[in-house]
N, C-alpha and C. Protein backbone atom coordinates (compact mmCIF):
# COMPACT_ATOMS: atom_id res chain seq x y z
N MET A 1 185.09 119.32 -4.13
CA MET A 1 184.55 118.05 -4.91
C MET A 1 185.87 117.76 -5.61
N LYS A 2 186.50 118.79 -6.53
CA LYS A 2 187.42 118.60 -7.72
C LYS A 2 188.60 117.81 -6.85
N THR A 3 188.83 118.26 -5.79
CA THR A 3 190.07 117.72 -5.02
C THR A 3 189.77 115.91 -4.79
N THR A 4 188.85 115.86 -4.42
CA THR A 4 188.31 114.59 -3.76
C THR A 4 188.21 113.89 -4.74
N THR A 5 188.00 114.25 -6.09
CA THR A 5 187.61 113.39 -7.52
C THR A 5 189.18 113.16 -8.08
N ARG A 6 190.00 114.24 -7.96
CA ARG A 6 191.60 114.12 -8.37
C ARG A 6 192.06 112.98 -7.56
N ASN A 7 191.95 113.19 -6.02
CA ASN A 7 192.73 112.12 -5.62
C ASN A 7 191.94 110.50 -5.54
N PHE A 8 190.96 110.54 -5.53
CA PHE A 8 190.13 109.30 -6.34
C PHE A 8 190.83 108.76 -7.55
N ASN A 9 190.80 109.55 -8.39
CA ASN A 9 191.11 109.38 -9.67
C ASN A 9 192.84 108.62 -9.65
N ARG A 10 193.89 109.57 -8.79
CA ARG A 10 194.99 108.85 -8.33
C ARG A 10 195.08 107.74 -7.81
N ARG A 11 194.40 107.65 -6.69
CA ARG A 11 194.48 105.86 -6.36
C ARG A 11 193.69 104.85 -6.98
N ILE A 12 192.84 105.17 -8.06
CA ILE A 12 192.51 104.11 -9.12
C ILE A 12 193.52 104.01 -10.01
N GLU A 13 194.03 104.88 -10.44
CA GLU A 13 195.44 104.79 -11.49
C GLU A 13 196.54 103.74 -10.63
N ILE A 14 196.62 103.93 -9.55
CA ILE A 14 197.52 103.31 -8.73
C ILE A 14 196.99 101.76 -8.44
N VAL A 15 195.87 101.60 -8.22
CA VAL A 15 195.35 100.02 -8.18
C VAL A 15 195.31 99.56 -9.59
N ALA A 16 195.19 100.52 -10.71
CA ALA A 16 195.14 99.66 -11.97
C ALA A 16 196.75 99.39 -12.13
N GLU A 17 197.47 100.16 -12.04
CA GLU A 17 198.71 100.04 -12.41
C GLU A 17 199.20 98.60 -11.78
N LYS A 18 199.00 98.53 -10.39
CA LYS A 18 199.42 97.50 -9.58
C LYS A 18 198.48 95.97 -10.24
N GLY A 19 197.81 96.23 -10.71
CA GLY A 19 196.82 95.36 -10.99
C GLY A 19 197.22 94.86 -12.87
N GLY A 20 198.18 95.77 -13.01
CA GLY A 20 198.37 95.24 -14.58
C GLY A 20 197.51 95.59 -15.82
N ILE A 21 196.68 96.77 -15.11
CA ILE A 21 195.35 97.37 -16.28
C ILE A 21 196.45 98.54 -16.78
N ASP A 22 196.51 98.54 -18.24
CA ASP A 22 196.98 99.59 -19.04
C ASP A 22 196.26 100.47 -19.43
N LYS A 23 194.86 100.35 -19.14
CA LYS A 23 193.90 101.27 -19.69
C LYS A 23 193.80 102.58 -18.77
N LYS A 24 193.16 103.59 -19.63
CA LYS A 24 193.02 104.74 -18.95
C LYS A 24 191.78 104.39 -17.78
N ILE A 25 191.93 104.98 -16.63
CA ILE A 25 190.88 104.69 -15.70
C ILE A 25 190.59 105.95 -14.85
N SER A 26 189.43 106.34 -14.61
CA SER A 26 189.01 107.31 -14.02
C SER A 26 187.75 107.14 -13.36
N MET A 27 187.28 107.81 -12.48
CA MET A 27 185.78 108.04 -11.82
C MET A 27 185.03 108.16 -12.96
N HIS A 28 185.08 108.70 -13.80
CA HIS A 28 184.45 109.03 -14.83
C HIS A 28 183.94 107.88 -15.76
N ILE A 29 185.07 107.16 -16.22
CA ILE A 29 185.42 105.85 -16.93
C ILE A 29 184.22 104.73 -15.84
N ALA A 30 184.76 104.63 -14.49
CA ALA A 30 184.02 103.93 -13.81
C ALA A 30 182.50 104.16 -13.77
N ARG A 31 182.06 105.28 -14.06
CA ARG A 31 180.52 105.60 -14.13
C ARG A 31 180.07 105.11 -15.23
N HIS A 32 180.86 105.50 -16.32
CA HIS A 32 180.32 104.95 -17.53
C HIS A 32 180.07 103.56 -17.82
N SER A 33 181.13 102.89 -17.28
CA SER A 33 181.21 101.31 -17.37
C SER A 33 180.07 100.60 -16.36
N PHE A 34 179.83 101.50 -15.21
CA PHE A 34 178.32 100.89 -14.49
C PHE A 34 177.36 100.97 -15.30
N GLY A 35 177.31 102.33 -15.71
CA GLY A 35 176.02 102.39 -16.48
C GLY A 35 175.91 101.50 -17.76
N ASN A 36 176.64 101.31 -18.58
CA ASN A 36 176.68 100.56 -19.47
C ASN A 36 176.24 98.70 -19.30
N ILE A 37 176.91 98.41 -18.00
CA ILE A 37 176.89 97.20 -17.75
C ILE A 37 175.63 97.20 -17.01
N SER A 38 175.16 97.84 -16.12
CA SER A 38 173.97 97.64 -15.65
C SER A 38 172.81 98.54 -16.08
N GLY A 39 172.86 99.05 -17.13
CA GLY A 39 171.76 99.68 -17.92
C GLY A 39 170.41 98.74 -17.90
N ASP A 40 170.54 97.21 -18.35
CA ASP A 40 169.49 96.73 -18.85
C ASP A 40 169.12 95.57 -17.54
N LYS A 41 169.69 95.82 -16.41
CA LYS A 41 169.48 94.91 -15.35
C LYS A 41 168.76 95.44 -14.22
N LEU A 42 168.80 97.00 -14.28
CA LEU A 42 168.08 97.96 -13.11
C LEU A 42 167.04 98.97 -13.55
N PRO A 43 165.91 99.03 -12.84
CA PRO A 43 165.17 99.83 -12.98
C PRO A 43 165.61 101.26 -13.08
N ILE A 44 165.11 102.10 -13.91
CA ILE A 44 165.63 103.32 -14.28
C ILE A 44 165.42 104.34 -13.18
N GLN A 45 164.48 104.12 -12.60
CA GLN A 45 164.40 104.92 -11.16
C GLN A 45 165.72 104.66 -9.87
N MET A 46 165.97 103.35 -9.99
CA MET A 46 167.08 103.04 -9.27
C MET A 46 168.38 103.43 -9.96
N LEU A 47 168.57 103.53 -11.13
CA LEU A 47 169.64 103.96 -11.82
C LEU A 47 169.66 105.59 -11.40
N GLN A 48 168.70 106.16 -11.68
CA GLN A 48 168.63 107.76 -11.36
C GLN A 48 169.01 107.98 -9.95
N LYS A 49 168.70 107.05 -8.93
CA LYS A 49 169.21 107.21 -7.70
C LYS A 49 170.69 107.21 -7.46
N LEU A 50 171.07 106.11 -8.11
CA LEU A 50 172.69 105.66 -8.28
C LEU A 50 173.13 106.59 -8.78
N TYR A 51 173.15 107.21 -10.01
CA TYR A 51 173.64 108.49 -10.60
C TYR A 51 173.69 109.84 -9.53
N ARG A 52 172.60 109.93 -9.30
CA ARG A 52 172.40 111.01 -8.20
C ARG A 52 171.95 112.09 -9.89
N HIS A 53 170.97 111.70 -10.50
CA HIS A 53 170.67 112.57 -11.20
C HIS A 53 169.33 113.37 -10.40
N SER A 54 168.95 114.53 -10.82
CA SER A 54 167.70 114.98 -10.67
C SER A 54 166.43 114.68 -11.20
N SER A 55 166.90 114.53 -12.35
CA SER A 55 165.88 114.15 -13.20
C SER A 55 165.78 113.10 -13.82
N VAL A 56 164.75 112.21 -13.81
CA VAL A 56 164.85 110.52 -14.62
C VAL A 56 165.35 111.06 -16.06
N THR A 57 164.98 112.19 -16.60
CA THR A 57 164.81 112.56 -18.33
C THR A 57 166.60 112.37 -18.31
N THR A 58 167.12 112.73 -17.40
CA THR A 58 168.84 112.50 -17.57
C THR A 58 169.47 111.42 -17.61
N THR A 59 168.70 110.69 -16.86
CA THR A 59 169.05 109.38 -16.63
C THR A 59 168.48 108.38 -17.90
N ILE A 60 167.77 108.71 -18.25
CA ILE A 60 167.11 107.99 -19.84
C ILE A 60 168.13 108.30 -20.75
N LEU A 61 168.31 109.44 -21.02
CA LEU A 61 169.19 110.20 -22.21
C LEU A 61 170.59 109.66 -21.99
N TYR A 62 171.15 109.37 -20.71
CA TYR A 62 172.48 108.81 -20.41
C TYR A 62 172.68 107.53 -20.87
N GLN A 63 171.36 106.67 -20.36
CA GLN A 63 171.21 105.17 -20.84
C GLN A 63 171.17 104.87 -22.15
N PHE A 64 170.09 105.83 -22.93
CA PHE A 64 170.20 105.49 -24.11
C PHE A 64 171.40 105.83 -25.02
N SER A 65 172.47 106.68 -24.50
CA SER A 65 173.61 106.60 -25.30
C SER A 65 174.40 105.30 -25.22
N PHE A 66 174.13 104.43 -24.13
CA PHE A 66 175.09 103.11 -24.31
C PHE A 66 174.23 102.37 -25.16
N LEU A 67 172.80 102.28 -25.15
CA LEU A 67 172.00 101.47 -26.14
C LEU A 67 172.62 101.96 -27.33
N GLN A 68 172.71 103.26 -27.66
CA GLN A 68 172.97 103.23 -28.90
C GLN A 68 174.47 102.65 -29.59
N ASN A 69 175.59 102.95 -28.61
CA ASN A 69 176.87 102.45 -29.05
C ASN A 69 176.75 101.15 -29.11
N GLN A 70 175.89 100.22 -28.21
CA GLN A 70 175.79 98.73 -28.21
C GLN A 70 175.37 98.25 -29.77
N THR A 71 174.34 98.99 -30.21
CA THR A 71 173.74 99.00 -31.75
C THR A 71 174.48 99.02 -32.83
N GLU A 72 175.25 100.28 -32.74
CA GLU A 72 176.16 100.60 -33.58
C GLU A 72 177.06 99.71 -34.39
N GLU A 73 177.74 99.32 -33.33
CA GLU A 73 178.88 98.26 -33.94
C GLU A 73 178.29 96.89 -34.19
N PRO A 74 177.55 96.12 -34.11
CA PRO A 74 177.17 95.08 -34.85
C PRO A 74 176.51 95.48 -36.00
N LEU A 75 175.56 96.74 -36.15
CA LEU A 75 174.97 96.91 -37.39
C LEU A 75 176.02 97.43 -38.38
N GLY A 76 177.05 97.91 -37.87
CA GLY A 76 178.33 98.35 -38.73
C GLY A 76 179.13 97.25 -39.21
N ARG A 77 179.09 96.10 -38.42
CA ARG A 77 179.39 94.66 -39.04
C ARG A 77 178.63 94.30 -40.34
N VAL A 78 177.51 94.09 -40.06
CA VAL A 78 176.44 93.92 -41.04
C VAL A 78 176.36 94.66 -42.14
N ARG A 79 176.37 96.00 -42.25
CA ARG A 79 176.63 96.90 -42.99
C ARG A 79 177.87 96.75 -44.15
N ASP A 80 178.90 96.42 -43.19
CA ASP A 80 180.38 96.42 -44.01
C ASP A 80 180.72 94.97 -44.56
N PHE A 81 179.72 94.19 -44.48
CA PHE A 81 179.74 92.62 -44.83
C PHE A 81 179.71 92.77 -46.35
């Protein structure tokens, strides 16, 4: 599995470089991006299957971290006003 992930990450980096993307990209980052974008658009059970989590609790905690990050930035702007 580590070899597969490593190879996939190398290929993602090549595609990103050719596409002019200068940010770090990996399978892990892709999963997080997907979770952040789709979290409020898909049922939690569907996300659980897509993430291949054995427990829906894991998926809920995973998605909750995105929700927290999304609310902290706007609240910080109000607080710093």
